[in-house]
Amino acid sequence: MPEMRAAVLTGYGGAERLEIRQVSRPAPGSGEILVRVRAAGVNPIDWKIRQGRLRLLLPARFPLVLGFDIAGEVAAIGPEVTDFEPGDPVYAMLDSRHGGGYAEYAVAGQAAVASKPESLTFEEAAAVPVAALTALQALRDVAGLQAGQRVAVTGAAGGVGHFAVQLAAASGAHVTAVAGPDHQEFVRHLGADRAVDYSRDDFTNLGDTSSSYDVIFDAAGAYRFTACEPALEPGGIYVTTRPGPVIFLAQVRAGLARLLDPRGARRAASLRARPSGDDLAHLAHQIDAGRLRPAIDRVYALDEVREAHAASQAGHPRGKIVLRID
């Protein structure tokens, strides 16, 4: 059986549990595509799986290969694949439980794959899927963001946040970007109407009427609904990327409030992005039209996967961290 190099997680724990090994190359099944991976994105969900923080939601059997973001070329197609051929440049959010992108080859369902944006390198394309899909699906599908509405994005300089700022601005919304002191000019350049330094100011209480929002997208997963609720307009919505019992209770309370006041009650929701080739095709069009651009904090070699995890875990990257798969 053909083999490949991969960064393998040998068990729950620190970054030292990641090892470079030779493992069996996967084969595409019906409706699946085998991708020769050129670059893979690193996301917080990867090191949270590694730490065991998601073991109830995503139980693991070791060894396994992490990584949901990939960009590369189609190496082979399985039966019933009609939209792609070997050699096509593609990118995807992998639709398997733990990913599999930190490797020379990965398998994805056809419905999760899209043609790579022509204007991006493989490394740039690998920075897009999980973060941009999260931003798009949060703002479009969950929040229903409309032109002219006011939206606040926390973690605005990070992986999800920097896409959310661009997408919200492109939709015609008025964007307040909440970021650290070193990222104020960066988020303004992304299209934010206003940048708020969270180390100095509270975006929910800036002392003027513009501190009220139709949508608060907590891309950083750092603010609770109770802290954001007073800053929401009647009928406004808070969306977070951080699941758990706190947001569940907030959703229950918000749901009860809507029974009493269907139009005026503030809403709460959490989101985990879903793989979607159609959404990635839409994002590729936005990218190639110049309306959206990924920012890369740093590119690491596959052999530096431990350092890449440490950098992601340290927080406050400007954009995304990417692995180069040689």
Protein backbone atom coordinates (compact mmCIF):
# COMPACT_ATOMS: atom_id res chain seq x y z
CA MET A 1 0.00 0.00 0.00
CA PRO A 2 1.40 3.48 -0.90
CA GLU A 3 2.62 5.59 1.99
CA MET A 4 2.86 9.32 2.71
CA ARG A 5 4.37 11.69 5.26
CA ALA A 6 1.98 13.08 7.85
CA ALA A 7 1.94 14.86 11.20
CA VAL A 8 0.38 12.20 13.42
CA LEU A 9 -1.26 12.83 16.79
CA THR A 10 -0.32 9.92 19.07
CA GLY A 11 -2.57 10.82 22.01
CA TYR A 12 -4.09 13.67 24.00
CA GLY A 13 -1.64 16.15 25.42
CA GLY A 14 0.81 18.86 24.44
CA ALA A 15 2.33 19.61 21.06
CA GLU A 16 4.97 16.92 21.71
CA ARG A 17 2.24 14.36 20.92
CA LEU A 18 2.53 15.38 17.26
CA GLU A 19 5.06 13.28 15.32
CA ILE A 20 6.09 13.14 11.66
CA ARG A 21 5.57 9.58 10.41
CA GLN A 22 5.11 7.50 7.29
CA VAL A 23 1.51 6.30 7.17
CA SER A 24 -0.75 4.61 4.64
CA ARG A 25 -2.06 6.86 1.91
CA PRO A 26 -5.88 7.08 1.86
CA ALA A 27 -7.87 6.02 -1.19
CA PRO A 28 -10.99 7.80 -2.45
CA GLY A 29 -14.30 5.97 -2.16
CA SER A 30 -17.52 6.62 -4.03
CA GLY A 31 -18.12 10.35 -4.35
CA GLU A 32 -14.72 11.18 -2.87
CA ILE A 33 -11.63 12.98 -4.09
CA LEU A 34 -7.99 12.28 -3.21
CA VAL A 35 -6.11 15.57 -2.95
CA ARG A 36 -2.35 16.00 -3.15
CA VAL A 37 -2.08 18.52 -0.32
CA ARG A 38 0.23 21.47 -0.93
CA ALA A 39 -0.75 23.47 2.16
CA ALA A 40 -2.94 23.02 5.23
CA GLY A 41 -4.44 25.58 7.58
CA VAL A 42 -4.01 25.42 11.35
CA ASN A 43 -7.13 26.23 13.38
CA PRO A 44 -7.84 26.42 17.13
CA ILE A 45 -10.08 23.35 16.82
CA ASP A 46 -6.95 21.34 15.92
CA TRP A 47 -5.11 21.98 19.18
CA LYS A 48 -8.32 21.74 21.18
CA ILE A 49 -8.77 18.22 19.79
CA ARG A 50 -5.11 17.52 20.60
CA GLN A 51 -5.56 18.67 24.18
CA GLY A 52 -8.64 16.49 24.65
CA ARG A 53 -10.91 19.48 25.27
CA LEU A 54 -13.36 18.20 22.64
CA ARG A 55 -13.20 14.50 23.51
CA LEU A 56 -16.93 14.35 24.32
CA LEU A 57 -17.91 16.06 21.07
CA LEU A 58 -15.21 14.55 18.86
CA PRO A 59 -13.93 11.36 20.52
CA ALA A 60 -10.64 10.21 19.03
CA ARG A 61 -8.90 6.93 18.30
CA PHE A 62 -5.14 7.24 17.95
CA PRO A 63 -3.05 7.65 15.95
CA LEU A 64 -4.85 10.22 13.82
CA VAL A 65 -4.09 13.11 11.49
CA LEU A 66 -5.49 16.55 12.28
CA GLY A 67 -6.24 19.48 9.99
CA PHE A 68 -9.49 20.55 8.29
CA ASP A 69 -8.14 23.15 5.80
CA ILE A 70 -6.41 21.98 2.64
CA ALA A 71 -5.37 23.29 -0.76
CA GLY A 72 -3.74 21.22 -3.47
CA GLU A 73 -4.40 19.28 -6.65
CA VAL A 74 -6.78 16.42 -7.35
CA ALA A 75 -4.67 13.25 -7.38
CA ALA A 76 -7.46 10.73 -8.04
CA ILE A 77 -11.25 10.55 -8.02
CA GLY A 78 -13.59 7.87 -6.79
CA PRO A 79 -16.67 6.50 -8.55
CA GLU A 80 -19.52 8.97 -9.12
CA VAL A 81 -17.28 12.04 -8.99
CA THR A 82 -18.29 14.24 -11.92
CA ASP A 83 -17.17 17.77 -11.07
CA PHE A 84 -13.40 17.30 -10.79
CA GLU A 85 -10.57 15.59 -12.64
CA PRO A 86 -6.97 14.73 -11.69
CA GLY A 87 -4.76 17.81 -11.82
CA ASP A 88 -7.49 20.31 -10.89
CA PRO A 89 -6.36 22.86 -8.28
CA VAL A 90 -8.82 22.71 -5.38
CA TYR A 91 -9.38 23.69 -1.78
CA ALA A 92 -11.66 22.30 0.90
CA MET A 93 -12.80 22.08 4.48
CA LEU A 94 -12.44 18.35 5.07
CA ASP A 95 -15.65 16.59 6.05
CA SER A 96 -14.18 13.85 8.24
CA ARG A 97 -14.42 13.90 12.04
CA HIS A 98 -10.86 15.07 12.80
CA GLY A 99 -9.74 16.37 9.41
CA GLY A 100 -6.66 14.68 7.98
CA GLY A 101 -5.05 17.66 6.25
CA TYR A 102 -1.63 17.60 7.94
CA ALA A 103 -0.42 15.11 5.34
CA GLU A 104 0.77 14.77 1.77
CA TYR A 105 -2.63 13.38 0.72
CA ALA A 106 -6.16 13.75 2.07
CA VAL A 107 -9.61 12.53 1.08
CA ALA A 108 -12.66 14.78 0.86
CA GLY A 109 -16.24 14.30 -0.27
CA GLN A 110 -16.99 15.96 -3.60
CA ALA A 111 -19.58 18.23 -1.97
CA ALA A 112 -16.91 19.71 0.33
CA VAL A 113 -14.49 20.66 -2.46
CA ALA A 114 -14.30 23.72 -4.72
CA SER A 115 -11.90 25.01 -7.34
CA LYS A 116 -9.06 27.00 -5.77
CA PRO A 117 -9.33 30.78 -6.23
CA GLU A 118 -7.19 31.59 -9.24
CA SER A 119 -5.68 34.67 -7.61
CA LEU A 120 -4.34 32.78 -4.56
CA THR A 121 -1.32 30.59 -3.98
CA PHE A 122 -1.91 27.19 -2.38
CA GLU A 123 -0.72 28.56 0.95
CA GLU A 124 -3.12 31.49 0.75
CA ALA A 125 -5.98 29.22 -0.30
CA ALA A 126 -5.35 26.89 2.65
CA ALA A 127 -5.93 29.86 4.97
CA VAL A 128 -9.51 30.28 3.77
CA PRO A 129 -11.91 27.33 4.29
CA VAL A 130 -12.70 26.87 7.99
CA ALA A 131 -12.31 30.52 8.98
CA ALA A 132 -14.10 32.05 6.00
CA LEU A 133 -16.90 29.47 6.07
CA THR A 134 -17.39 30.20 9.77
CA ALA A 135 -17.62 33.93 9.10
CA LEU A 136 -19.90 33.54 6.09
CA GLN A 137 -22.29 31.08 7.69
CA ALA A 138 -22.43 33.06 10.95
CA LEU A 139 -23.23 36.39 9.30
CA ARG A 140 -25.38 35.18 6.40
CA ASP A 141 -27.19 32.12 7.72
CA VAL A 142 -27.40 32.63 11.50
CA ALA A 143 -27.45 36.41 11.88
CA GLY A 144 -29.11 37.24 8.54
CA LEU A 145 -26.95 40.37 8.30
CA GLN A 146 -28.39 43.03 5.99
CA ALA A 147 -26.99 46.16 4.34
CA GLY A 148 -27.23 49.16 6.63
CA GLN A 149 -27.20 47.16 9.86
CA ARG A 150 -24.60 47.72 12.57
CA VAL A 151 -22.38 44.75 13.40
CA ALA A 152 -19.56 44.33 15.91
CA VAL A 153 -16.92 41.67 15.30
CA THR A 154 -14.70 40.59 18.19
CA GLY A 155 -11.33 38.98 17.49
CA ALA A 156 -11.44 41.02 14.30
CA ALA A 157 -7.77 40.51 13.42
CA GLY A 158 -7.85 36.74 13.88
CA GLY A 159 -8.57 33.92 11.46
CA VAL A 160 -12.37 34.04 11.55
CA GLY A 161 -12.61 37.69 12.50
CA HIS A 162 -10.61 39.14 9.62
CA PHE A 163 -12.87 37.37 7.14
CA ALA A 164 -15.99 38.48 9.04
CA VAL A 165 -14.95 42.14 8.86
CA GLN A 166 -14.41 41.92 5.11
CA LEU A 167 -17.65 40.02 4.44
CA ALA A 168 -19.70 42.36 6.62
CA ALA A 169 -18.22 45.44 4.97
CA ALA A 170 -18.85 43.98 1.50
CA SER A 171 -22.51 43.40 2.44
CA GLY A 172 -22.98 47.10 3.17
CA ALA A 173 -23.13 46.79 6.96
CA HIS A 174 -21.54 49.30 9.33
CA VAL A 175 -18.68 47.41 10.96
CA THR A 176 -17.10 47.89 14.38
CA ALA A 177 -13.96 45.76 14.64
CA VAL A 178 -12.77 44.82 18.14
CA ALA A 179 -9.06 43.96 18.23
CA GLY A 180 -5.86 44.47 20.18
CA PRO A 181 -3.78 47.65 20.14
CA ASP A 182 -1.35 46.32 17.54
CA HIS A 183 -4.11 45.49 15.05
CA GLN A 184 -6.13 48.72 14.86
CA GLU A 185 -4.82 49.86 11.49
CA PHE A 186 -5.04 46.31 10.11
CA VAL A 187 -8.77 45.98 10.83
CA ARG A 188 -9.47 49.42 9.42
CA HIS A 189 -7.70 48.35 6.24
CA LEU A 190 -10.02 45.32 6.08
CA GLY A 191 -12.99 47.66 5.79
CA ALA A 192 -14.07 48.36 9.36
CA ASP A 193 -15.81 51.70 9.86
CA ARG A 194 -14.53 51.82 13.42
CA ALA A 195 -11.77 50.00 15.30
CA VAL A 196 -12.00 49.47 19.05
CA ASP A 197 -8.98 48.58 21.18
CA TYR A 198 -10.37 46.10 23.70
CA SER A 199 -7.47 46.80 26.09
CA ARG A 200 -8.69 50.38 26.47
CA ASP A 201 -12.39 50.48 25.62
CA ASP A 202 -15.50 48.36 26.02
CA PHE A 203 -17.18 48.08 22.62
CA THR A 204 -20.55 47.51 24.33
CA ASN A 205 -20.34 50.84 26.18
CA LEU A 206 -18.56 53.53 24.20
CA GLY A 207 -20.72 56.33 25.53
CA ASP A 208 -22.64 57.05 22.32
CA THR A 209 -25.56 55.68 20.31
CA SER A 210 -23.20 53.76 18.01
CA SER A 211 -22.56 51.30 20.86
CA SER A 212 -25.83 49.59 19.90
CA TYR A 213 -25.67 46.77 17.35
CA ASP A 214 -28.03 44.66 15.29
CA VAL A 215 -25.47 41.84 15.27
CA ILE A 216 -22.58 41.00 17.59
CA PHE A 217 -20.38 38.27 16.17
CA ASP A 218 -18.09 36.98 18.90
CA ALA A 219 -15.52 35.49 16.55
CA ALA A 220 -13.02 35.40 19.40
CA GLY A 221 -15.32 33.35 21.64
CA ALA A 222 -14.33 35.74 24.43
CA TYR A 223 -17.56 37.52 25.37
CA ARG A 224 -20.66 36.09 27.01
CA PHE A 225 -24.20 36.85 25.89
CA THR A 226 -24.97 38.50 29.23
CA ALA A 227 -22.20 41.05 28.62
CA CYS A 228 -23.29 41.73 25.03
CA GLU A 229 -27.08 41.67 25.44
CA PRO A 230 -27.43 45.28 26.66
CA ALA A 231 -25.62 46.47 23.51
CA LEU A 232 -28.00 44.69 21.13
CA GLU A 233 -30.85 46.48 19.43
CA PRO A 234 -34.33 45.03 20.07
CA GLY A 235 -34.50 41.86 17.97
CA GLY A 236 -30.71 41.84 17.63
CA ILE A 237 -28.62 38.68 17.73
CA TYR A 238 -25.39 37.57 19.39
CA VAL A 239 -23.50 34.78 17.61
CA THR A 240 -20.48 33.03 19.11
CA THR A 241 -17.99 30.46 17.88
CA ARG A 242 -17.68 29.04 21.39
CA PRO A 243 -20.12 26.19 22.14
CA GLY A 244 -20.83 24.87 25.61
CA PRO A 245 -23.29 25.02 28.51
CA VAL A 246 -23.04 28.81 28.92
CA ILE A 247 -24.28 29.57 25.41
CA PHE A 248 -26.84 26.77 25.67
CA LEU A 249 -28.35 28.39 28.75
CA ALA A 250 -28.22 31.78 27.03
CA GLN A 251 -30.09 30.34 24.05
CA VAL A 252 -32.76 28.87 26.34
CA ARG A 253 -33.19 32.18 28.17
CA ALA A 254 -33.31 34.13 24.91
CA GLY A 255 -35.88 31.66 23.54
CA LEU A 256 -38.12 32.18 26.56
CA ALA A 257 -37.81 35.94 26.16
CA ARG A 258 -38.94 35.66 22.55
CA LEU A 259 -42.13 33.92 23.68
CA LEU A 260 -43.01 37.08 25.59
CA ASP A 261 -41.64 39.55 23.05
CA PRO A 262 -41.22 37.91 19.60
CA ARG A 263 -39.89 41.06 17.91
CA GLY A 264 -38.00 42.83 20.65
CA ALA A 265 -36.19 40.00 22.45
CA ARG A 266 -32.45 39.71 21.86
CA ARG A 267 -31.32 36.35 20.49
CA ALA A 268 -28.28 34.14 21.14
CA ALA A 269 -26.76 31.47 18.90
CA SER A 270 -23.59 29.44 18.50
CA LEU A 271 -22.11 28.15 15.27
CA ARG A 272 -19.76 25.46 14.06
CA ALA A 273 -18.95 25.80 10.38
CA ARG A 274 -20.08 23.05 8.02
CA PRO A 275 -18.12 21.92 4.94
CA SER A 276 -19.64 23.32 1.76
CA GLY A 277 -18.14 23.32 -1.70
CA ASP A 278 -20.88 25.68 -2.86
CA ASP A 279 -19.97 28.22 -0.18
CA LEU A 280 -16.27 27.86 -1.01
CA ALA A 281 -17.09 28.50 -4.68
CA HIS A 282 -18.92 31.68 -3.61
CA LEU A 283 -15.93 32.74 -1.50
CA ALA A 284 -13.55 32.04 -4.39
CA HIS A 285 -15.62 34.36 -6.58
CA GLN A 286 -15.41 37.07 -3.90
CA ILE A 287 -11.66 36.57 -3.63
CA ASP A 288 -10.99 36.66 -7.37
CA ALA A 289 -13.18 39.77 -7.65
CA GLY A 290 -10.95 41.50 -5.09
CA ARG A 291 -13.59 41.78 -2.36
CA LEU A 292 -12.00 39.29 0.04
CA ARG A 293 -8.41 38.42 0.89
CA PRO A 294 -6.86 36.01 3.40
CA ALA A 295 -4.16 37.29 5.72
CA ILE A 296 -1.40 34.88 6.77
CA ASP A 297 0.39 35.41 10.05
CA ARG A 298 3.10 32.83 9.28
CA VAL A 299 3.79 29.74 7.19
CA TYR A 300 5.48 26.74 8.83
CA ALA A 301 6.92 23.61 7.25
CA LEU A 302 5.17 20.33 8.07
CA ASP A 303 8.18 19.40 10.22
CA GLU A 304 7.42 22.51 12.30
CA VAL A 305 3.87 21.45 13.15
CA ARG A 306 4.58 21.63 16.89
CA GLU A 307 5.74 25.23 16.55
CA ALA A 308 2.65 26.03 14.45
CA HIS A 309 0.37 24.65 17.17
CA ALA A 310 2.22 26.62 19.83
CA ALA A 311 1.83 29.83 17.81
CA SER A 312 -1.89 29.24 17.28
CA GLN A 313 -2.41 28.36 20.92
CA ALA A 314 -0.59 31.50 22.07
CA GLY A 315 -3.35 33.55 20.44
CA HIS A 316 -3.48 36.96 18.76
CA PRO A 317 -2.29 35.96 15.26
CA ARG A 318 -2.92 38.42 12.44
CA GLY A 319 -4.94 36.21 10.13
CA LYS A 320 -4.16 32.51 9.75
CA ILE A 321 -1.30 30.10 10.42
CA VAL A 322 -0.52 27.70 7.57
CA LEU A 323 1.55 24.54 7.11
CA ARG A 324 3.49 24.06 3.89
CA ILE A 325 3.31 20.42 2.82
CA ASP A 326 6.42 19.78 0.71
